[in-house]
Amino acid sequence: MKAFRIDRYKGEIREAEAPEPVVGERDVLVNVHAAGVNHLDIMLARGQFSATLPYELPLTLGHDVAGVVERVGPGVTRFAVGDEVFARPADLRIGAFAERIAIAEHDVALKPTTLTMTEAASLPLVALSAWQALVERADVKAGQRVLIHGGAGGFGSIAIQLAKHLGAFVATTASGSNVEWLKQLGADEVIDYRSEDFESRLHGYDLVIDTVGGANLEKSLRVLRPGGRALSLVGPPDPGFARQLGLNAGLRLAMRGLSAQIRRQARRLDVDYSFLFMRADGAQLAHIAALVDTGALHPVIGRVLPFAETPAAVSAVEAGGLRGKVVVSLVG
């Protein structure tokens, strides 16, 4: 089976033969039609999670998939051969940059009927991240004020739409060339990060979702109202993340230390900080698919490349500057 893999951390992503997936009792085997590319693929390739996610090398990358069910395990009840599906495979079971992938049934959902395979493959990781931030963690209500950094990116472009659907007033940061487009997407206020300081313009926000980290995260704490919360997709990781992964005592202590400074700053400002590392969830994907099919959400794709150019697709994500997601297509 053809796949794109890394042999070692910080090595090149190369096309290689990979073993056929093992289909467990509650797994579905998906014939991959398209796969989304995410910054998480780059982070894994660099070894940034090697201490907390014990992948075996060589490793097939790819966290977003859309395709057709080719086979089901004997315990599968929700899917049948021929179903069109999309998914974010669970951690330690990724591998969408391949011709086929076996995924746990509970991590899979039927593909939105209104989308192509390429469009569907752009959604799982970013849409689940947005759902888990805005709905599950923050429980955003109508009238609340939400700041989403990096609005033009894959995550931001979906999170803006979902926050607007929930009734929030939505601010975002982006380059000036994207201002009008982001307003059409649903943003109420767009700050050009190249020429404006969001901290001087925004005050009293209920939620900030950070995709930048560092000084940007520290400034984000100061635009929150007392009792507001900051969620970061880029860290630093916190004790909650350590519990989520079931890490040992030494790693839990390390995570506590990494986030100690930002958590202290948050407490001084009477706000909350936490790190969000999204998880696979087929039931949530089904809710997202319903929102897509009613027109509340639509994918934003910056570039589509053929499967043979997967390394170039990863490089395009790393270079940045595109609106929305980069997708590789295996069919057509």
C-alpha atoms as a PDB file:
ATOM      1  CA  MET A   1       0.000   0.000   0.000  1.00  0.00           C
ATOM      2  CA  LYS A   2       1.334   3.442  -0.921  1.00  0.00           C
ATOM      3  CA  ALA A   3       1.698   5.937   1.893  1.00  0.00           C
ATOM      4  CA  PHE A   4       3.658   9.018   2.914  1.00  0.00           C
ATOM      5  CA  ARG A   5       5.736   8.355   6.015  1.00  0.00           C
ATOM      6  CA  ILE A   6       8.579   9.564   8.169  1.00  0.00           C
ATOM      7  CA  ASP A   7      11.396   7.178   9.115  1.00  0.00           C
ATOM      8  CA  ARG A   8      12.691   9.414  11.892  1.00  0.00           C
ATOM      9  CA  TYR A   9      11.687  12.630  13.599  1.00  0.00           C
ATOM     10  CA  LYS A  10      12.899  15.747  11.794  1.00  0.00           C
ATOM     11  CA  GLY A  11      13.329  13.638   8.669  1.00  0.00           C
ATOM     12  CA  GLU A  12      11.748  14.009   5.251  1.00  0.00           C
ATOM     13  CA  ILE A  13       8.227  12.864   4.448  1.00  0.00           C
ATOM     14  CA  ARG A  14       8.656  10.222   1.764  1.00  0.00           C
ATOM     15  CA  GLU A  15       6.465   7.944  -0.302  1.00  0.00           C
ATOM     16  CA  ALA A  16       6.919   4.352   0.865  1.00  0.00           C
ATOM     17  CA  GLU A  17       5.185   1.019   1.004  1.00  0.00           C
ATOM     18  CA  ALA A  18       3.210   0.603   4.206  1.00  0.00           C
ATOM     19  CA  PRO A  19       1.619  -2.530   5.653  1.00  0.00           C
ATOM     20  CA  GLU A  20      -2.083  -3.041   5.031  1.00  0.00           C
ATOM     21  CA  PRO A  21      -4.208  -1.792   7.945  1.00  0.00           C
ATOM     22  CA  VAL A  22      -5.363  -4.303  10.522  1.00  0.00           C
ATOM     23  CA  VAL A  23      -9.157  -4.114  10.846  1.00  0.00           C
ATOM     24  CA  GLY A  24     -10.298  -4.773  14.398  1.00  0.00           C
ATOM     25  CA  GLU A  25     -13.698  -5.948  15.575  1.00  0.00           C
ATOM     26  CA  ARG A  26     -15.097  -2.401  15.855  1.00  0.00           C
ATOM     27  CA  ASP A  27     -13.107  -0.816  13.010  1.00  0.00           C
ATOM     28  CA  VAL A  28     -14.060   0.351   9.544  1.00  0.00           C
ATOM     29  CA  LEU A  29     -11.573   0.145   6.683  1.00  0.00           C
ATOM     30  CA  VAL A  30     -11.771   3.325   4.615  1.00  0.00           C
ATOM     31  CA  ASN A  31     -10.612   3.620   1.023  1.00  0.00           C
ATOM     32  CA  VAL A  32      -9.100   7.114   1.200  1.00  0.00           C
ATOM     33  CA  HIS A  33     -10.339   9.597  -1.411  1.00  0.00           C
ATOM     34  CA  ALA A  34      -8.872  12.748   0.157  1.00  0.00           C
ATOM     35  CA  ALA A  35      -6.843  13.760   3.210  1.00  0.00           C
ATOM     36  CA  GLY A  36      -6.488  17.125   4.911  1.00  0.00           C
ATOM     37  CA  VAL A  37      -3.097  18.509   5.940  1.00  0.00           C
ATOM     38  CA  ASN A  38      -2.685  20.076   9.376  1.00  0.00           C
ATOM     39  CA  HIS A  39       0.006  21.808  11.408  1.00  0.00           C
ATOM     40  CA  LEU A  40      -0.257  18.828  13.750  1.00  0.00           C
ATOM     41  CA  ASP A  41       1.286  16.670  11.008  1.00  0.00           C
ATOM     42  CA  ILE A  42       4.254  19.037  10.901  1.00  0.00           C
ATOM     43  CA  MET A  43       4.572  19.081  14.684  1.00  0.00           C
ATOM     44  CA  LEU A  44       4.584  15.296  14.839  1.00  0.00           C
ATOM     45  CA  ALA A  45       7.151  15.055  12.042  1.00  0.00           C
ATOM     46  CA  ARG A  46       9.405  17.366  14.047  1.00  0.00           C
ATOM     47  CA  GLY A  47       9.058  15.169  17.125  1.00  0.00           C
ATOM     48  CA  GLN A  48       7.284  17.786  19.217  1.00  0.00           C
ATOM     49  CA  PHE A  49       5.006  15.202  20.864  1.00  0.00           C
ATOM     50  CA  SER A  50       7.470  12.318  20.969  1.00  0.00           C
ATOM     51  CA  ALA A  51       7.500  12.336  24.784  1.00  0.00           C
ATOM     52  CA  THR A  52       3.722  12.261  25.165  1.00  0.00           C
ATOM     53  CA  LEU A  53       2.454  10.386  22.079  1.00  0.00           C
ATOM     54  CA  PRO A  54       4.567   7.235  21.727  1.00  0.00           C
ATOM     55  CA  TYR A  55       4.270   6.599  17.985  1.00  0.00           C
ATOM     56  CA  GLU A  56       6.334   3.831  16.446  1.00  0.00           C
ATOM     57  CA  LEU A  57       8.513   4.756  13.477  1.00  0.00           C
ATOM     58  CA  PRO A  58       8.221   4.638  10.540  1.00  0.00           C
ATOM     59  CA  LEU A  59       4.988   6.618  10.881  1.00  0.00           C
ATOM     60  CA  THR A  60       2.332   7.389   8.275  1.00  0.00           C
ATOM     61  CA  LEU A  61       1.065  10.926   8.861  1.00  0.00           C
ATOM     62  CA  GLY A  62      -2.379  12.393   8.200  1.00  0.00           C
ATOM     63  CA  HIS A  63      -5.163  13.344  10.646  1.00  0.00           C
ATOM     64  CA  ASP A  64      -8.094  14.097   8.281  1.00  0.00           C
ATOM     65  CA  VAL A  65      -9.729  11.634   5.946  1.00  0.00           C
ATOM     66  CA  ALA A  66     -12.754  11.321   3.665  1.00  0.00           C
ATOM     67  CA  GLY A  67     -13.509   8.192   1.704  1.00  0.00           C
ATOM     68  CA  VAL A  68     -15.643   5.097   1.215  1.00  0.00           C
ATOM     69  CA  VAL A  69     -16.030   2.191   3.622  1.00  0.00           C
ATOM     70  CA  GLU A  70     -14.394  -0.863   2.039  1.00  0.00           C
ATOM     71  CA  ARG A  71     -14.784  -3.336   4.898  1.00  0.00           C
ATOM     72  CA  VAL A  72     -16.198  -3.422   8.428  1.00  0.00           C
ATOM     73  CA  GLY A  73     -15.212  -5.391  11.493  1.00  0.00           C
ATOM     74  CA  PRO A  74     -17.658  -8.011  12.825  1.00  0.00           C
ATOM     75  CA  GLY A  75     -18.754  -5.771  15.710  1.00  0.00           C
ATOM     76  CA  VAL A  76     -19.524  -2.676  13.620  1.00  0.00           C
ATOM     77  CA  THR A  77     -23.197  -1.636  13.696  1.00  0.00           C
ATOM     78  CA  ARG A  78     -23.324   1.945  12.396  1.00  0.00           C
ATOM     79  CA  PHE A  79     -21.615   1.653   9.001  1.00  0.00           C
ATOM     80  CA  ALA A  80     -21.779  -0.577   5.955  1.00  0.00           C
ATOM     81  CA  VAL A  81     -19.602  -1.202   2.926  1.00  0.00           C
ATOM     82  CA  GLY A  82     -20.090   1.639   0.447  1.00  0.00           C
ATOM     83  CA  ASP A  83     -20.864   4.360   3.006  1.00  0.00           C
ATOM     84  CA  GLU A  84     -19.219   7.716   2.324  1.00  0.00           C
ATOM     85  CA  VAL A  85     -17.569   8.846   5.559  1.00  0.00           C
ATOM     86  CA  PHE A  86     -15.164  11.338   7.075  1.00  0.00           C
ATOM     87  CA  ALA A  87     -13.106  11.181  10.245  1.00  0.00           C
ATOM     88  CA  ARG A  88     -10.240  12.359  12.373  1.00  0.00           C
ATOM     89  CA  PRO A  89      -8.610   9.068  13.421  1.00  0.00           C
ATOM     90  CA  ALA A  90      -7.670   8.811  17.064  1.00  0.00           C
ATOM     91  CA  ASP A  91      -4.171   9.600  18.295  1.00  0.00           C
ATOM     92  CA  LEU A  92      -1.820   6.648  17.769  1.00  0.00           C
ATOM     93  CA  ARG A  93      -4.097   5.479  14.917  1.00  0.00           C
ATOM     94  CA  ILE A  94      -3.482   8.264  12.412  1.00  0.00           C
ATOM     95  CA  GLY A  95      -2.332   7.571   8.864  1.00  0.00           C
ATOM     96  CA  ALA A  96      -4.613   9.333   6.375  1.00  0.00           C
ATOM     97  CA  PHE A  97      -1.734   9.928   3.920  1.00  0.00           C
ATOM     98  CA  ALA A  98      -2.260   6.416   2.580  1.00  0.00           C
ATOM     99  CA  GLU A  99      -4.501   4.507   0.223  1.00  0.00           C
ATOM    100  CA  ARG A 100      -6.419   2.856   3.072  1.00  0.00           C
ATOM    101  CA  ILE A 101      -6.835   3.363   6.804  1.00  0.00           C
ATOM    102  CA  ALA A 102      -8.598   1.433   9.582  1.00  0.00           C
ATOM    103  CA  ILE A 103     -10.492   3.683  11.998  1.00  0.00           C
ATOM    104  CA  ALA A 104     -12.498   2.921  15.143  1.00  0.00           C
ATOM    105  CA  GLU A 105     -16.223   3.042  14.423  1.00  0.00           C
ATOM    106  CA  HIS A 106     -16.893   5.632  17.129  1.00  0.00           C
ATOM    107  CA  ASP A 107     -14.452   8.082  15.498  1.00  0.00           C
ATOM    108  CA  VAL A 108     -16.237   8.033  12.109  1.00  0.00           C
ATOM    109  CA  ALA A 109     -19.286   9.907  10.775  1.00  0.00           C
ATOM    110  CA  LEU A 110     -21.201   9.903   7.530  1.00  0.00           C
ATOM    111  CA  LYS A 111     -19.836  12.529   5.161  1.00  0.00           C
ATOM    112  CA  PRO A 112     -21.970  15.666   4.741  1.00  0.00           C
ATOM    113  CA  THR A 113     -24.149  14.972   1.719  1.00  0.00           C
ATOM    114  CA  THR A 114     -23.603  18.455   0.305  1.00  0.00           C
ATOM    115  CA  LEU A 115     -19.810  18.192   0.175  1.00  0.00           C
ATOM    116  CA  THR A 116     -17.315  16.588  -2.159  1.00  0.00           C
ATOM    117  CA  MET A 117     -14.748  14.225  -0.705  1.00  0.00           C
ATOM    118  CA  THR A 118     -12.099  16.934  -0.969  1.00  0.00           C
ATOM    119  CA  GLU A 119     -14.269  19.424   0.924  1.00  0.00           C
ATOM    120  CA  ALA A 120     -15.159  16.864   3.590  1.00  0.00           C
ATOM    121  CA  ALA A 121     -11.504  15.935   4.133  1.00  0.00           C
ATOM    122  CA  SER A 122     -10.709  19.543   5.025  1.00  0.00           C
ATOM    123  CA  LEU A 123     -12.988  19.548   8.062  1.00  0.00           C
ATOM    124  CA  PRO A 124     -12.525  16.901  10.762  1.00  0.00           C
ATOM    125  CA  LEU A 125      -9.573  18.160  12.824  1.00  0.00           C
ATOM    126  CA  VAL A 126     -10.315  21.880  12.600  1.00  0.00           C
ATOM    127  CA  ALA A 127     -14.076  21.480  12.993  1.00  0.00           C
ATOM    128  CA  LEU A 128     -13.684  19.187  16.008  1.00  0.00           C
ATOM    129  CA  SER A 129     -11.208  21.654  17.523  1.00  0.00           C
ATOM    130  CA  ALA A 130     -13.711  24.475  17.050  1.00  0.00           C
ATOM    131  CA  TRP A 131     -16.571  22.408  18.469  1.00  0.00           C
ATOM    132  CA  GLN A 132     -14.601  21.283  21.506  1.00  0.00           C
ATOM    133  CA  ALA A 133     -13.433  24.850  22.186  1.00  0.00           C
ATOM    134  CA  LEU A 134     -16.683  26.731  21.614  1.00  0.00           C
ATOM    135  CA  VAL A 135     -19.358  24.187  22.534  1.00  0.00           C
ATOM    136  CA  GLU A 136     -17.801  21.626  24.867  1.00  0.00           C
ATOM    137  CA  ARG A 137     -15.292  23.726  26.839  1.00  0.00           C
ATOM    138  CA  ALA A 138     -16.663  27.283  26.703  1.00  0.00           C
ATOM    139  CA  ASP A 139     -20.383  26.609  26.154  1.00  0.00           C
ATOM    140  CA  VAL A 140     -20.636  29.837  24.147  1.00  0.00           C
ATOM    141  CA  LYS A 141     -24.025  31.560  24.335  1.00  0.00           C
ATOM    142  CA  ALA A 142     -25.712  34.184  22.187  1.00  0.00           C
ATOM    143  CA  GLY A 143     -24.385  37.659  22.899  1.00  0.00           C
ATOM    144  CA  GLN A 144     -21.022  36.594  24.286  1.00  0.00           C
ATOM    145  CA  ARG A 145     -17.866  38.116  22.866  1.00  0.00           C
ATOM    146  CA  VAL A 146     -15.290  35.762  21.353  1.00  0.00           C
ATOM    147  CA  LEU A 147     -11.835  36.542  19.948  1.00  0.00           C
ATOM    148  CA  ILE A 148     -10.413  33.956  17.546  1.00  0.00           C
ATOM    149  CA  HIS A 149      -6.812  34.493  16.490  1.00  0.00           C
ATOM    150  CA  GLY A 150      -5.676  33.585  12.976  1.00  0.00           C
ATOM    151  CA  GLY A 151      -9.106  33.873  11.393  1.00  0.00           C
ATOM    152  CA  ALA A 152      -7.988  33.136   7.848  1.00  0.00           C
ATOM    153  CA  GLY A 153      -6.410  29.781   8.658  1.00  0.00           C
ATOM    154  CA  GLY A 154      -7.956  26.344   8.576  1.00  0.00           C
ATOM    155  CA  PHE A 155      -9.106  26.429  12.200  1.00  0.00           C
ATOM    156  CA  GLY A 156     -10.006  30.106  12.330  1.00  0.00           C
ATOM    157  CA  SER A 157     -12.185  30.066   9.225  1.00  0.00           C
ATOM    158  CA  ILE A 158     -14.348  27.283  10.703  1.00  0.00           C
ATOM    159  CA  ALA A 159     -14.319  28.592  14.288  1.00  0.00           C
ATOM    160  CA  ILE A 160     -15.584  32.005  13.142  1.00  0.00           C
ATOM    161  CA  GLN A 161     -18.528  30.376  11.392  1.00  0.00           C
ATOM    162  CA  LEU A 162     -19.379  28.162  14.370  1.00  0.00           C
ATOM    163  CA  ALA A 163     -19.099  31.021  16.893  1.00  0.00           C
ATOM    164  CA  LYS A 164     -21.373  33.144  14.714  1.00  0.00           C
ATOM    165  CA  HIS A 165     -23.852  30.268  14.447  1.00  0.00           C
ATOM    166  CA  LEU A 166     -23.898  30.120  18.265  1.00  0.00           C
ATOM    167  CA  GLY A 167     -24.835  33.813  18.353  1.00  0.00           C
ATOM    168  CA  ALA A 168     -21.537  35.281  19.545  1.00  0.00           C
ATOM    169  CA  PHE A 169     -20.018  38.632  18.629  1.00  0.00           C
ATOM    170  CA  VAL A 170     -16.851  37.510  16.877  1.00  0.00           C
ATOM    171  CA  ALA A 171     -13.538  39.328  16.597  1.00  0.00           C
ATOM    172  CA  THR A 172     -10.506  37.926  14.831  1.00  0.00           C
ATOM    173  CA  THR A 173      -6.945  38.797  13.877  1.00  0.00           C
ATOM    174  CA  ALA A 174      -5.621  38.433  10.339  1.00  0.00           C
ATOM    175  CA  SER A 175      -3.624  40.244   7.686  1.00  0.00           C
ATOM    176  CA  GLY A 176      -5.260  43.299   6.138  1.00  0.00           C
ATOM    177  CA  SER A 177      -5.859  41.567   2.812  1.00  0.00           C
ATOM    178  CA  ASN A 178      -8.328  39.217   4.497  1.00  0.00           C
ATOM    179  CA  VAL A 179     -10.457  41.790   6.321  1.00  0.00           C
ATOM    180  CA  GLU A 180     -13.426  41.973   3.959  1.00  0.00           C
ATOM    181  CA  TRP A 181     -13.449  38.249   3.284  1.00  0.00           C
ATOM    182  CA  LEU A 182     -13.502  37.454   7.011  1.00  0.00           C
ATOM    183  CA  LYS A 183     -16.404  39.820   7.546  1.00  0.00           C
ATOM    184  CA  GLN A 184     -18.288  37.966   4.825  1.00  0.00           C
ATOM    185  CA  LEU A 185     -17.421  34.739   6.661  1.00  0.00           C
ATOM    186  CA  GLY A 186     -19.074  36.093   9.815  1.00  0.00           C
ATOM    187  CA  ALA A 187     -16.496  38.096  11.763  1.00  0.00           C
ATOM    188  CA  ASP A 188     -17.904  41.268  13.337  1.00  0.00           C
ATOM    189  CA  GLU A 189     -14.514  42.880  13.901  1.00  0.00           C
ATOM    190  CA  VAL A 190     -11.208  42.125  12.167  1.00  0.00           C
ATOM    191  CA  ILE A 191      -7.898  43.457  13.488  1.00  0.00           C
ATOM    192  CA  ASP A 192      -4.970  43.628  11.074  1.00  0.00           C
ATOM    193  CA  TYR A 193      -2.206  42.125  13.200  1.00  0.00           C
ATOM    194  CA  ARG A 194       0.451  43.741  11.016  1.00  0.00           C
ATOM    195  CA  SER A 195      -0.613  47.307  11.743  1.00  0.00           C
ATOM    196  CA  GLU A 196      -2.946  47.209  14.775  1.00  0.00           C
ATOM    197  CA  ASP A 197      -2.704  46.104  18.390  1.00  0.00           C
ATOM    198  CA  PHE A 198      -5.695  43.954  19.283  1.00  0.00           C
ATOM    199  CA  GLU A 199      -5.126  44.583  22.999  1.00  0.00           C
ATOM    200  CA  SER A 200      -5.765  48.303  22.575  1.00  0.00           C
ATOM    201  CA  ARG A 201      -9.029  47.710  20.688  1.00  0.00           C
ATOM    202  CA  LEU A 202     -10.682  44.802  22.457  1.00  0.00           C
ATOM    203  CA  HIS A 203     -11.920  44.690  26.049  1.00  0.00           C
ATOM    204  CA  GLY A 204     -14.304  42.641  28.137  1.00  0.00           C
ATOM    205  CA  TYR A 205     -14.264  39.458  26.063  1.00  0.00           C
ATOM    206  CA  ASP A 206     -15.708  36.210  27.376  1.00  0.00           C
ATOM    207  CA  LEU A 207     -13.412  33.890  25.430  1.00  0.00           C
ATOM    208  CA  VAL A 208     -10.156  34.027  23.498  1.00  0.00           C
ATOM    209  CA  ILE A 209      -8.957  31.139  21.344  1.00  0.00           C
ATOM    210  CA  ASP A 210      -5.221  31.452  20.801  1.00  0.00           C
ATOM    211  CA  THR A 211      -3.439  29.919  17.809  1.00  0.00           C
ATOM    212  CA  VAL A 212      -0.156  31.843  18.136  1.00  0.00           C
ATOM    213  CA  GLY A 213       1.176  31.434  21.689  1.00  0.00           C
ATOM    214  CA  GLY A 214       3.956  33.380  23.393  1.00  0.00           C
ATOM    215  CA  ALA A 215       3.419  37.111  23.847  1.00  0.00           C
ATOM    216  CA  ASN A 216       0.200  36.911  21.842  1.00  0.00           C
ATOM    217  CA  LEU A 217      -1.270  34.582  24.465  1.00  0.00           C
ATOM    218  CA  GLU A 218      -0.169  36.834  27.324  1.00  0.00           C
ATOM    219  CA  LYS A 219      -1.812  39.845  25.665  1.00  0.00           C
ATOM    220  CA  SER A 220      -4.931  37.780  25.046  1.00  0.00           C
ATOM    221  CA  LEU A 221      -5.421  37.294  28.787  1.00  0.00           C
ATOM    222  CA  ARG A 222      -5.702  41.063  29.174  1.00  0.00           C
ATOM    223  CA  VAL A 223      -8.650  41.470  26.766  1.00  0.00           C
ATOM    224  CA  LEU A 224     -10.806  39.103  28.835  1.00  0.00           C
ATOM    225  CA  ARG A 225     -13.406  40.179  31.365  1.00  0.00           C
ATOM    226  CA  PRO A 226     -12.982  38.904  34.951  1.00  0.00           C
ATOM    227  CA  GLY A 227     -14.052  35.279  34.864  1.00  0.00           C
ATOM    228  CA  GLY A 228     -13.314  34.982  31.139  1.00  0.00           C
ATOM    229  CA  ARG A 229     -11.252  32.179  29.689  1.00  0.00           C
ATOM    230  CA  ALA A 230      -8.415  31.673  27.249  1.00  0.00           C
ATOM    231  CA  LEU A 231      -8.021  28.445  25.321  1.00  0.00           C
ATOM    232  CA  SER A 232      -4.786  27.824  23.430  1.00  0.00           C
ATOM    233  CA  LEU A 233      -4.317  25.309  20.630  1.00  0.00           C
ATOM    234  CA  VAL A 234      -0.528  25.742  20.678  1.00  0.00           C
ATOM    235  CA  GLY A 235       0.282  25.600  24.364  1.00  0.00           C
ATOM    236  CA  PRO A 236       1.887  25.611  26.761  1.00  0.00           C
ATOM    237  CA  PRO A 237       0.303  22.298  27.820  1.00  0.00           C
ATOM    238  CA  ASP A 238      -1.304  22.224  31.249  1.00  0.00           C
ATOM    239  CA  PRO A 239      -2.154  19.595  33.900  1.00  0.00           C
ATOM    240  CA  GLY A 240      -5.505  18.940  32.202  1.00  0.00           C
ATOM    241  CA  PHE A 241      -3.689  17.874  29.037  1.00  0.00           C
ATOM    242  CA  ALA A 242      -1.527  15.517  31.064  1.00  0.00           C
ATOM    243  CA  ARG A 243      -4.640  13.935  32.594  1.00  0.00           C
ATOM    244  CA  GLN A 244      -6.275  13.663  29.150  1.00  0.00           C
ATOM    245  CA  LEU A 245      -3.350  11.622  27.852  1.00  0.00           C
ATOM    246  CA  GLY A 246      -2.971   9.602  31.047  1.00  0.00           C
ATOM    247  CA  LEU A 247       0.683  10.597  31.439  1.00  0.00           C
ATOM    248  CA  ASN A 248       2.879   9.364  34.267  1.00  0.00           C
ATOM    249  CA  ALA A 249       3.643  11.427  37.358  1.00  0.00           C
ATOM    250  CA  GLY A 250       6.913  12.803  35.978  1.00  0.00           C
ATOM    251  CA  LEU A 251       5.333  14.051  32.766  1.00  0.00           C
ATOM    252  CA  ARG A 252       2.336  15.454  34.674  1.00  0.00           C
ATOM    253  CA  LEU A 253       4.764  17.444  36.805  1.00  0.00           C
ATOM    254  CA  ALA A 254       6.584  18.652  33.686  1.00  0.00           C
ATOM    255  CA  MET A 255       3.320  19.839  32.101  1.00  0.00           C
ATOM    256  CA  ARG A 256       2.448  21.698  35.280  1.00  0.00           C
ATOM    257  CA  GLY A 257       5.812  23.452  35.152  1.00  0.00           C
ATOM    258  CA  LEU A 258       5.540  24.376  31.471  1.00  0.00           C
ATOM    259  CA  SER A 259       2.271  26.219  32.005  1.00  0.00           C
ATOM    260  CA  ALA A 260       2.932  27.575  35.503  1.00  0.00           C
ATOM    261  CA  GLN A 261       3.801  31.106  34.378  1.00  0.00           C
ATOM    262  CA  ILE A 262       0.793  31.624  32.105  1.00  0.00           C
ATOM    263  CA  ARG A 263      -1.551  30.099  34.687  1.00  0.00           C
ATOM    264  CA  ARG A 264      -0.187  32.479  37.337  1.00  0.00           C
ATOM    265  CA  GLN A 265      -0.752  35.438  35.012  1.00  0.00           C
ATOM    266  CA  ALA A 266      -4.296  34.250  34.384  1.00  0.00           C
ATOM    267  CA  ARG A 267      -5.042  33.951  38.101  1.00  0.00           C
ATOM    268  CA  ARG A 268      -3.749  37.495  38.735  1.00  0.00           C
ATOM    269  CA  LEU A 269      -6.193  38.774  36.119  1.00  0.00           C
ATOM    270  CA  ASP A 270      -9.042  36.614  37.468  1.00  0.00           C
ATOM    271  CA  VAL A 271      -9.324  34.674  34.225  1.00  0.00           C
ATOM    272  CA  ASP A 272      -8.823  31.035  33.298  1.00  0.00           C
ATOM    273  CA  TYR A 273      -6.217  29.486  31.013  1.00  0.00           C
ATOM    274  CA  SER A 274      -6.264  25.982  29.548  1.00  0.00           C
ATOM    275  CA  PHE A 275      -4.646  24.105  26.678  1.00  0.00           C
ATOM    276  CA  LEU A 276      -6.877  22.384  24.133  1.00  0.00           C
ATOM    277  CA  PHE A 277      -5.616  19.236  22.425  1.00  0.00           C
ATOM    278  CA  MET A 278      -8.563  18.052  20.400  1.00  0.00           C
ATOM    279  CA  ARG A 279      -9.652  14.418  20.359  1.00  0.00           C
ATOM    280  CA  ALA A 280     -11.374  12.222  17.806  1.00  0.00           C
ATOM    281  CA  ASP A 281     -15.170  12.046  18.186  1.00  0.00           C
ATOM    282  CA  GLY A 282     -17.525  10.644  15.571  1.00  0.00           C
ATOM    283  CA  ALA A 283     -20.676  11.809  17.370  1.00  0.00           C
ATOM    284  CA  GLN A 284     -19.457  15.402  17.313  1.00  0.00           C
ATOM    285  CA  LEU A 285     -18.547  15.027  13.644  1.00  0.00           C
ATOM    286  CA  ALA A 286     -22.132  13.950  12.966  1.00  0.00           C
ATOM    287  CA  HIS A 287     -23.370  17.209  14.561  1.00  0.00           C
ATOM    288  CA  ILE A 288     -20.884  19.126  12.415  1.00  0.00           C
ATOM    289  CA  ALA A 289     -22.059  17.321   9.272  1.00  0.00           C
ATOM    290  CA  ALA A 290     -25.626  18.359  10.052  1.00  0.00           C
ATOM    291  CA  LEU A 291     -24.557  21.997  10.388  1.00  0.00           C
ATOM    292  CA  VAL A 292     -22.772  21.765   7.038  1.00  0.00           C
ATOM    293  CA  ASP A 293     -25.806  20.291   5.305  1.00  0.00           C
ATOM    294  CA  THR A 294     -28.053  23.059   6.659  1.00  0.00           C
ATOM    295  CA  GLY A 295     -25.638  25.730   5.409  1.00  0.00           C
ATOM    296  CA  ALA A 296     -24.451  26.934   8.824  1.00  0.00           C
ATOM    297  CA  LEU A 297     -20.852  25.864   8.114  1.00  0.00           C
ATOM    298  CA  HIS A 298     -18.917  25.561   4.894  1.00  0.00           C
ATOM    299  CA  PRO A 299     -15.336  24.436   4.295  1.00  0.00           C
ATOM    300  CA  VAL A 300     -12.612  26.815   3.184  1.00  0.00           C
ATOM    301  CA  ILE A 301      -9.927  25.247   1.002  1.00  0.00           C
ATOM    302  CA  GLY A 302      -6.809  27.134   0.042  1.00  0.00           C
ATOM    303  CA  ARG A 303      -5.181  24.512  -2.173  1.00  0.00           C
ATOM    304  CA  VAL A 304      -5.688  20.964  -3.452  1.00  0.00           C
ATOM    305  CA  LEU A 305      -2.759  18.809  -4.582  1.00  0.00           C
ATOM    306  CA  PRO A 306      -2.599  15.241  -5.895  1.00  0.00           C
ATOM    307  CA  PHE A 307      -1.584  12.468  -3.512  1.00  0.00           C
ATOM    308  CA  ALA A 308       1.833  12.160  -5.183  1.00  0.00           C
ATOM    309  CA  GLU A 309       2.581  15.731  -4.049  1.00  0.00           C
ATOM    310  CA  THR A 310       1.810  15.185  -0.363  1.00  0.00           C
ATOM    311  CA  PRO A 311       5.245  16.499   0.771  1.00  0.00           C
ATOM    312  CA  ALA A 312       4.584  19.706  -1.199  1.00  0.00           C
ATOM    313  CA  ALA A 313       1.172  19.978   0.476  1.00  0.00           C
ATOM    314  CA  VAL A 314       2.793  19.724   3.899  1.00  0.00           C
ATOM    315  CA  SER A 315       5.338  22.375   2.871  1.00  0.00           C
ATOM    316  CA  ALA A 316       2.494  24.663   1.747  1.00  0.00           C
ATOM    317  CA  VAL A 317       0.889  24.431   5.184  1.00  0.00           C
ATOM    318  CA  GLU A 318       4.229  25.135   6.861  1.00  0.00           C
ATOM    319  CA  ALA A 319       4.812  28.186   4.639  1.00  0.00           C
ATOM    320  CA  GLY A 320       1.396  29.636   5.535  1.00  0.00           C
ATOM    321  CA  GLY A 321      -0.364  32.498   3.807  1.00  0.00           C
ATOM    322  CA  LEU A 322      -3.254  30.425   2.417  1.00  0.00           C
ATOM    323  CA  ARG A 323      -6.896  30.820   3.308  1.00  0.00           C
ATOM    324  CA  GLY A 324      -8.320  27.705   4.890  1.00  0.00           C
ATOM    325  CA  LYS A 325      -7.036  24.172   4.479  1.00  0.00           C
ATOM    326  CA  VAL A 326      -4.684  22.304   2.167  1.00  0.00           C
ATOM    327  CA  VAL A 327      -6.001  18.932   0.955  1.00  0.00           C
ATOM    328  CA  VAL A 328      -4.439  16.066  -0.994  1.00  0.00           C
ATOM    329  CA  SER A 329      -6.667  14.115  -3.377  1.00  0.00           C
ATOM    330  CA  LEU A 330      -6.256  10.434  -4.177  1.00  0.00           C
ATOM    331  CA  VAL A 331      -9.163  10.142  -6.626  1.00  0.00           C
ATOM    332  CA  GLY A 332      -9.641  11.995  -9.909  1.00  0.00           C
END
